[in-house]
Amino acid sequence: MITVEVRLYATLRKYQPEAELGEGVAFDLAEGTTVGEVVDRELGIPPREVKVIFVNGVSRKSDHLLADGDRVAIFPPVGGG
């Protein structure tokens, strides 16, 4: 098992209602779990709602394998002008 911390930002925070503003939620996962599996299975976020994923401050694709102690930040598309 591995433990990762996940933080959701902006409109994605609704998928982690138990998290206080600025705090992450720890997940215990099987080794070999990808970022995409966390987004889909653990959080239930539709892929179209995710724009950028950072693991330990580095932008990663959904097939990136997570390791024990990783910190994951997930951001939605941002509009504006």
N, C-alpha and C. Protein backbone atom coordinates (compact mmCIF):
# COMPACT_ATOMS: atom_id res chain seq x y z
N MET A 1 0.84 -1.19 0.00
CA MET A 1 0.00 0.00 0.00
C MET A 1 0.88 1.25 0.00
N ILE A 2 0.35 2.27 -0.64
CA ILE A 2 0.99 3.58 -0.62
C ILE A 2 -0.02 4.60 -0.11
N THR A 3 0.48 5.71 0.39
CA THR A 3 -0.38 6.81 0.83
C THR A 3 0.00 8.05 0.05
N VAL A 4 -1.01 8.69 -0.56
CA VAL A 4 -0.78 9.94 -1.29
C VAL A 4 -1.74 10.99 -0.76
N GLU A 5 -1.33 12.25 -0.87
CA GLU A 5 -2.19 13.36 -0.50
C GLU A 5 -2.72 14.01 -1.76
N VAL A 6 -4.03 14.22 -1.81
CA VAL A 6 -4.66 14.81 -2.99
C VAL A 6 -5.34 16.12 -2.59
N ARG A 7 -5.07 17.14 -3.39
CA ARG A 7 -5.72 18.45 -3.20
C ARG A 7 -6.44 18.81 -4.49
N LEU A 8 -7.68 19.23 -4.36
CA LEU A 8 -8.48 19.67 -5.50
C LEU A 8 -8.66 21.18 -5.42
N TYR A 9 -8.68 21.81 -6.59
CA TYR A 9 -8.76 23.26 -6.63
C TYR A 9 -9.96 23.74 -7.43
N ALA A 10 -10.39 24.97 -7.09
CA ALA A 10 -11.48 25.67 -7.79
C ALA A 10 -12.75 24.80 -7.80
N THR A 11 -13.35 24.64 -8.96
CA THR A 11 -14.64 23.93 -9.06
C THR A 11 -14.54 22.45 -8.71
N LEU A 12 -13.34 21.89 -8.67
CA LEU A 12 -13.19 20.47 -8.34
C LEU A 12 -13.32 20.19 -6.85
N ARG A 13 -13.27 21.22 -6.03
CA ARG A 13 -13.35 21.02 -4.58
C ARG A 13 -14.65 20.33 -4.17
N LYS A 14 -15.68 20.41 -5.00
CA LYS A 14 -16.96 19.76 -4.66
C LYS A 14 -16.81 18.24 -4.57
N TYR A 15 -15.77 17.67 -5.18
CA TYR A 15 -15.54 16.24 -5.13
C TYR A 15 -14.79 15.80 -3.87
N GLN A 16 -14.42 16.76 -3.04
CA GLN A 16 -13.72 16.48 -1.79
C GLN A 16 -14.31 17.35 -0.68
N PRO A 17 -15.61 17.21 -0.43
CA PRO A 17 -16.27 18.12 0.52
C PRO A 17 -15.73 18.03 1.95
N GLU A 18 -15.10 16.92 2.28
CA GLU A 18 -14.57 16.77 3.64
C GLU A 18 -13.28 17.54 3.87
N ALA A 19 -12.65 18.03 2.82
CA ALA A 19 -11.39 18.76 2.95
C ALA A 19 -11.65 20.23 3.26
N GLU A 20 -10.91 20.73 4.21
CA GLU A 20 -10.97 22.15 4.52
C GLU A 20 -10.22 22.92 3.43
N LEU A 21 -10.54 24.17 3.27
CA LEU A 21 -9.88 25.01 2.28
C LEU A 21 -8.37 24.97 2.49
N GLY A 22 -7.62 24.63 1.45
CA GLY A 22 -6.17 24.59 1.52
C GLY A 22 -5.60 23.29 2.06
N GLU A 23 -6.47 22.33 2.38
CA GLU A 23 -5.99 21.06 2.90
C GLU A 23 -6.20 19.94 1.89
N GLY A 24 -5.39 18.92 1.99
CA GLY A 24 -5.55 17.74 1.14
C GLY A 24 -6.18 16.60 1.91
N VAL A 25 -6.48 15.54 1.17
CA VAL A 25 -7.03 14.33 1.76
C VAL A 25 -6.08 13.19 1.45
N ALA A 26 -5.78 12.39 2.46
CA ALA A 26 -4.88 11.25 2.27
C ALA A 26 -5.66 10.05 1.76
N PHE A 27 -5.08 9.35 0.79
CA PHE A 27 -5.66 8.14 0.24
C PHE A 27 -4.66 7.01 0.38
N ASP A 28 -5.12 5.87 0.87
CA ASP A 28 -4.32 4.65 0.89
C ASP A 28 -4.67 3.88 -0.37
N LEU A 29 -3.67 3.62 -1.20
CA LEU A 29 -3.88 3.02 -2.52
C LEU A 29 -2.98 1.81 -2.72
N ALA A 30 -3.37 0.97 -3.65
CA ALA A 30 -2.52 -0.16 -4.02
C ALA A 30 -1.33 0.36 -4.82
N GLU A 31 -0.19 -0.32 -4.66
CA GLU A 31 0.97 0.03 -5.49
C GLU A 31 0.58 -0.18 -6.94
N GLY A 32 1.09 0.68 -7.83
CA GLY A 32 0.76 0.60 -9.24
C GLY A 32 -0.45 1.42 -9.64
N THR A 33 -1.01 2.19 -8.69
CA THR A 33 -2.16 3.05 -8.98
C THR A 33 -1.68 4.27 -9.76
N THR A 34 -2.45 4.64 -10.79
CA THR A 34 -2.12 5.82 -11.59
C THR A 34 -2.92 7.04 -11.11
N VAL A 35 -2.47 8.19 -11.54
CA VAL A 35 -3.19 9.43 -11.24
C VAL A 35 -4.62 9.34 -11.81
N GLY A 36 -4.75 8.83 -13.02
CA GLY A 36 -6.07 8.71 -13.65
C GLY A 36 -7.02 7.83 -12.86
N GLU A 37 -6.50 6.78 -12.25
CA GLU A 37 -7.34 5.90 -11.43
C GLU A 37 -7.83 6.63 -10.18
N VAL A 38 -7.01 7.47 -9.61
CA VAL A 38 -7.43 8.26 -8.45
C VAL A 38 -8.54 9.22 -8.87
N VAL A 39 -8.35 9.90 -9.99
CA VAL A 39 -9.35 10.86 -10.47
C VAL A 39 -10.68 10.15 -10.73
N ASP A 40 -10.62 9.01 -11.40
CA ASP A 40 -11.84 8.30 -11.78
C ASP A 40 -12.45 7.51 -10.63
N ARG A 41 -11.69 6.55 -10.08
CA ARG A 41 -12.24 5.62 -9.08
C ARG A 41 -12.39 6.22 -7.70
N GLU A 42 -11.38 6.90 -7.23
CA GLU A 42 -11.40 7.40 -5.86
C GLU A 42 -12.22 8.68 -5.70
N LEU A 43 -12.16 9.54 -6.71
CA LEU A 43 -12.81 10.84 -6.62
C LEU A 43 -14.07 10.96 -7.46
N GLY A 44 -14.21 10.14 -8.50
CA GLY A 44 -15.40 10.21 -9.36
C GLY A 44 -15.48 11.47 -10.20
N ILE A 45 -14.33 12.00 -10.59
CA ILE A 45 -14.31 13.23 -11.40
C ILE A 45 -14.32 12.85 -12.88
N PRO A 46 -15.27 13.38 -13.66
CA PRO A 46 -15.26 13.12 -15.11
C PRO A 46 -13.98 13.71 -15.74
N PRO A 47 -13.34 12.97 -16.64
CA PRO A 47 -12.07 13.43 -17.23
C PRO A 47 -12.15 14.82 -17.86
N ARG A 48 -13.28 15.18 -18.42
CA ARG A 48 -13.42 16.50 -19.07
C ARG A 48 -13.31 17.66 -18.08
N GLU A 49 -13.45 17.36 -16.78
CA GLU A 49 -13.37 18.40 -15.76
C GLU A 49 -11.95 18.63 -15.25
N VAL A 50 -11.02 17.81 -15.70
CA VAL A 50 -9.63 17.93 -15.25
C VAL A 50 -8.77 18.49 -16.38
N LYS A 51 -8.03 19.55 -16.09
CA LYS A 51 -7.15 20.16 -17.09
C LYS A 51 -5.68 19.87 -16.80
N VAL A 52 -5.27 20.05 -15.55
CA VAL A 52 -3.86 19.90 -15.19
C VAL A 52 -3.74 19.09 -13.91
N ILE A 53 -2.77 18.16 -13.90
CA ILE A 53 -2.47 17.38 -12.71
C ILE A 53 -0.98 17.55 -12.41
N PHE A 54 -0.69 17.91 -11.16
CA PHE A 54 0.69 18.01 -10.70
C PHE A 54 0.94 16.93 -9.66
N VAL A 55 2.07 16.25 -9.78
CA VAL A 55 2.51 15.31 -8.76
C VAL A 55 3.85 15.83 -8.25
N ASN A 56 3.88 16.18 -6.99
CA ASN A 56 5.09 16.76 -6.38
C ASN A 56 5.58 17.97 -7.16
N GLY A 57 4.63 18.79 -7.64
CA GLY A 57 4.97 20.03 -8.33
C GLY A 57 5.32 19.89 -9.80
N VAL A 58 5.23 18.69 -10.36
CA VAL A 58 5.57 18.46 -11.76
C VAL A 58 4.30 18.02 -12.51
N SER A 59 4.02 18.65 -13.64
CA SER A 59 2.85 18.29 -14.44
C SER A 59 2.98 16.86 -14.94
N ARG A 60 1.90 16.08 -14.76
CA ARG A 60 1.92 14.67 -15.15
C ARG A 60 0.65 14.32 -15.92
N LYS A 61 0.75 13.27 -16.73
CA LYS A 61 -0.40 12.73 -17.47
C LYS A 61 -1.13 11.74 -16.56
N SER A 62 -2.34 11.34 -16.98
CA SER A 62 -3.16 10.47 -16.16
C SER A 62 -2.58 9.07 -15.98
N ASP A 63 -1.65 8.66 -16.84
CA ASP A 63 -1.07 7.32 -16.71
C ASP A 63 0.16 7.28 -15.79
N HIS A 64 0.47 8.39 -15.14
CA HIS A 64 1.63 8.45 -14.23
C HIS A 64 1.38 7.57 -13.01
N LEU A 65 2.34 6.70 -12.69
CA LEU A 65 2.25 5.84 -11.51
C LEU A 65 2.60 6.63 -10.26
N LEU A 66 1.77 6.48 -9.25
CA LEU A 66 2.00 7.17 -7.98
C LEU A 66 2.91 6.35 -7.07
N ALA A 67 3.62 7.08 -6.19
CA ALA A 67 4.51 6.44 -5.22
C ALA A 67 4.12 6.92 -3.82
N ASP A 68 4.54 6.17 -2.83
CA ASP A 68 4.25 6.51 -1.45
C ASP A 68 4.75 7.92 -1.14
N GLY A 69 3.89 8.72 -0.52
CA GLY A 69 4.26 10.08 -0.12
C GLY A 69 4.04 11.14 -1.17
N ASP A 70 3.58 10.75 -2.37
CA ASP A 70 3.33 11.75 -3.42
C ASP A 70 2.24 12.73 -3.00
N ARG A 71 2.41 13.96 -3.48
CA ARG A 71 1.40 15.00 -3.28
C ARG A 71 0.82 15.35 -4.65
N VAL A 72 -0.47 15.19 -4.78
CA VAL A 72 -1.17 15.37 -6.05
C VAL A 72 -2.06 16.60 -5.97
N ALA A 73 -1.97 17.48 -6.98
CA ALA A 73 -2.82 18.66 -7.09
C ALA A 73 -3.55 18.59 -8.43
N ILE A 74 -4.87 18.75 -8.38
CA ILE A 74 -5.69 18.61 -9.60
C ILE A 74 -6.46 19.90 -9.83
N PHE A 75 -6.35 20.43 -11.06
CA PHE A 75 -6.97 21.69 -11.42
C PHE A 75 -7.93 21.51 -12.60
N PRO A 76 -9.05 22.27 -12.59
CA PRO A 76 -9.98 22.24 -13.71
C PRO A 76 -9.54 23.21 -14.80
N PRO A 77 -10.21 23.14 -15.98
CA PRO A 77 -9.98 24.20 -16.98
C PRO A 77 -10.41 25.53 -16.38
N VAL A 78 -9.73 26.59 -16.76
CA VAL A 78 -10.04 27.91 -16.23
C VAL A 78 -10.49 28.81 -17.37
N GLY A 79 -11.57 29.50 -17.17
CA GLY A 79 -12.04 30.46 -18.17
C GLY A 79 -11.73 31.86 -17.71
N GLY A 80 -11.88 32.77 -18.58
CA GLY A 80 -11.64 34.16 -18.20
C GLY A 80 -11.23 34.97 -19.42
N GLY A 81 -10.89 36.18 -19.15
CA GLY A 81 -10.52 36.99 -20.29
C GLY A 81 -9.99 38.31 -19.94
